[in-house]
Amino acid sequence: MTSILGISAFYHDSAAALILDGNIIAAAQEERFSRKKHDARYPVNAVNYILKESNLKLSEIDHIVFF
């Protein structure tokens, strides 16, 4: 099982997504948690949500990619 955590931040609408074996498992934009429209900060809440929903720890992620 290959797991990939994708992160987009520091520009416009920061977000995170998790892909397991080529399938999108979860995705979330940071503004849903921060309530700040077009939140460009690092998506710490989105990442935490995705890991919690997928029952994975950060140490179990095979690859982390950044846009």
C-alpha atoms as a PDB file:
ATOM      1  CA  MET A   1       0.000   0.000   0.000  1.00  0.00           C
ATOM      2  CA  THR A   2       1.516   3.318  -1.079  1.00  0.00           C
ATOM      3  CA  SER A   3       0.331   6.438   0.727  1.00  0.00           C
ATOM      4  CA  ILE A   4       0.904   9.979  -0.512  1.00  0.00           C
ATOM      5  CA  LEU A   5       0.089  13.149   1.402  1.00  0.00           C
ATOM      6  CA  GLY A   6      -0.204  16.155  -0.883  1.00  0.00           C
ATOM      7  CA  ILE A   7       0.048  19.665   0.536  1.00  0.00           C
ATOM      8  CA  SER A   8      -0.653  23.011  -1.095  1.00  0.00           C
ATOM      9  CA  ALA A   9       0.176  26.129   0.943  1.00  0.00           C
ATOM     10  CA  PHE A  10       1.545  29.659   1.111  1.00  0.00           C
ATOM     11  CA  TYR A  11      -0.304  30.911  -1.941  1.00  0.00           C
ATOM     12  CA  HIS A  12      -4.094  30.658  -2.214  1.00  0.00           C
ATOM     13  CA  ASP A  13      -6.556  28.266  -0.549  1.00  0.00           C
ATOM     14  CA  SER A  14      -4.128  25.949   1.212  1.00  0.00           C
ATOM     15  CA  ALA A  15      -5.213  22.317   1.331  1.00  0.00           C
ATOM     16  CA  ALA A  16      -4.156  18.724   1.887  1.00  0.00           C
ATOM     17  CA  ALA A  17      -5.080  15.431   0.232  1.00  0.00           C
ATOM     18  CA  LEU A  18      -4.340  11.763   0.861  1.00  0.00           C
ATOM     19  CA  ILE A  19      -3.947   9.184  -1.888  1.00  0.00           C
ATOM     20  CA  LEU A  20      -3.714   5.458  -1.136  1.00  0.00           C
ATOM     21  CA  ASP A  21      -2.781   3.135  -3.990  1.00  0.00           C
ATOM     22  CA  GLY A  22      -3.883   5.736  -6.554  1.00  0.00           C
ATOM     23  CA  ASN A  23      -7.273   6.445  -4.941  1.00  0.00           C
ATOM     24  CA  ILE A  24      -8.185   9.739  -3.294  1.00  0.00           C
ATOM     25  CA  ILE A  25      -9.093   8.911   0.296  1.00  0.00           C
ATOM     26  CA  ALA A  26      -9.553  12.390   1.753  1.00  0.00           C
ATOM     27  CA  ALA A  27      -9.049  16.048   0.869  1.00  0.00           C
ATOM     28  CA  ALA A  28      -9.717  19.263   2.763  1.00  0.00           C
ATOM     29  CA  GLN A  29      -9.079  22.984   2.482  1.00  0.00           C
ATOM     30  CA  GLU A  30      -7.682  24.802   5.499  1.00  0.00           C
ATOM     31  CA  GLU A  31     -10.341  27.537   5.315  1.00  0.00           C
ATOM     32  CA  ARG A  32     -12.979  25.016   6.399  1.00  0.00           C
ATOM     33  CA  PHE A  33     -11.237  24.792   9.769  1.00  0.00           C
ATOM     34  CA  SER A  34      -9.818  28.302  10.183  1.00  0.00           C
ATOM     35  CA  ARG A  35     -12.925  30.070   8.824  1.00  0.00           C
ATOM     36  CA  LYS A  36     -10.579  32.474   7.001  1.00  0.00           C
ATOM     37  CA  LYS A  37     -11.498  32.805   3.318  1.00  0.00           C
ATOM     38  CA  HIS A  38      -8.583  31.927   0.978  1.00  0.00           C
ATOM     39  CA  ASP A  39      -6.387  30.924   3.932  1.00  0.00           C
ATOM     40  CA  ALA A  40      -2.850  30.567   2.589  1.00  0.00           C
ATOM     41  CA  ARG A  41      -1.164  29.352   5.797  1.00  0.00           C
ATOM     42  CA  TYR A  42       0.233  25.849   6.197  1.00  0.00           C
ATOM     43  CA  PRO A  43      -2.823  23.523   6.340  1.00  0.00           C
ATOM     44  CA  VAL A  44      -2.113  21.971   9.741  1.00  0.00           C
ATOM     45  CA  ASN A  45      -5.815  21.445  10.510  1.00  0.00           C
ATOM     46  CA  ALA A  46      -6.513  19.912   7.091  1.00  0.00           C
ATOM     47  CA  VAL A  47      -3.567  17.522   7.473  1.00  0.00           C
ATOM     48  CA  ASN A  48      -4.673  16.501  10.968  1.00  0.00           C
ATOM     49  CA  TYR A  49      -8.236  15.909   9.721  1.00  0.00           C
ATOM     50  CA  ILE A  50      -7.056  13.741   6.836  1.00  0.00           C
ATOM     51  CA  LEU A  51      -4.795  11.628   9.044  1.00  0.00           C
ATOM     52  CA  LYS A  52      -7.564  11.178  11.617  1.00  0.00           C
ATOM     53  CA  GLU A  53     -10.164  10.200   8.989  1.00  0.00           C
ATOM     54  CA  SER A  54      -7.817   7.688   7.377  1.00  0.00           C
ATOM     55  CA  ASN A  55      -6.624   6.232  10.713  1.00  0.00           C
ATOM     56  CA  LEU A  56      -2.997   6.832   9.720  1.00  0.00           C
ATOM     57  CA  LYS A  57      -0.083   8.406  11.554  1.00  0.00           C
ATOM     58  CA  LEU A  58       2.277  10.778   9.797  1.00  0.00           C
ATOM     59  CA  SER A  59       5.027   8.168  10.239  1.00  0.00           C
ATOM     60  CA  GLU A  60       2.956   5.746   8.123  1.00  0.00           C
ATOM     61  CA  ILE A  61       2.880   8.056   5.092  1.00  0.00           C
ATOM     62  CA  ASP A  62       5.254   6.887   2.339  1.00  0.00           C
ATOM     63  CA  HIS A  63       5.610  10.187   0.447  1.00  0.00           C
ATOM     64  CA  ILE A  64       4.809  13.815   1.155  1.00  0.00           C
ATOM     65  CA  VAL A  65       4.560  16.168  -1.810  1.00  0.00           C
ATOM     66  CA  PHE A  66       4.331  19.951  -1.787  1.00  0.00           C
ATOM     67  CA  PHE A  67       3.001  22.283  -4.441  1.00  0.00           C
END
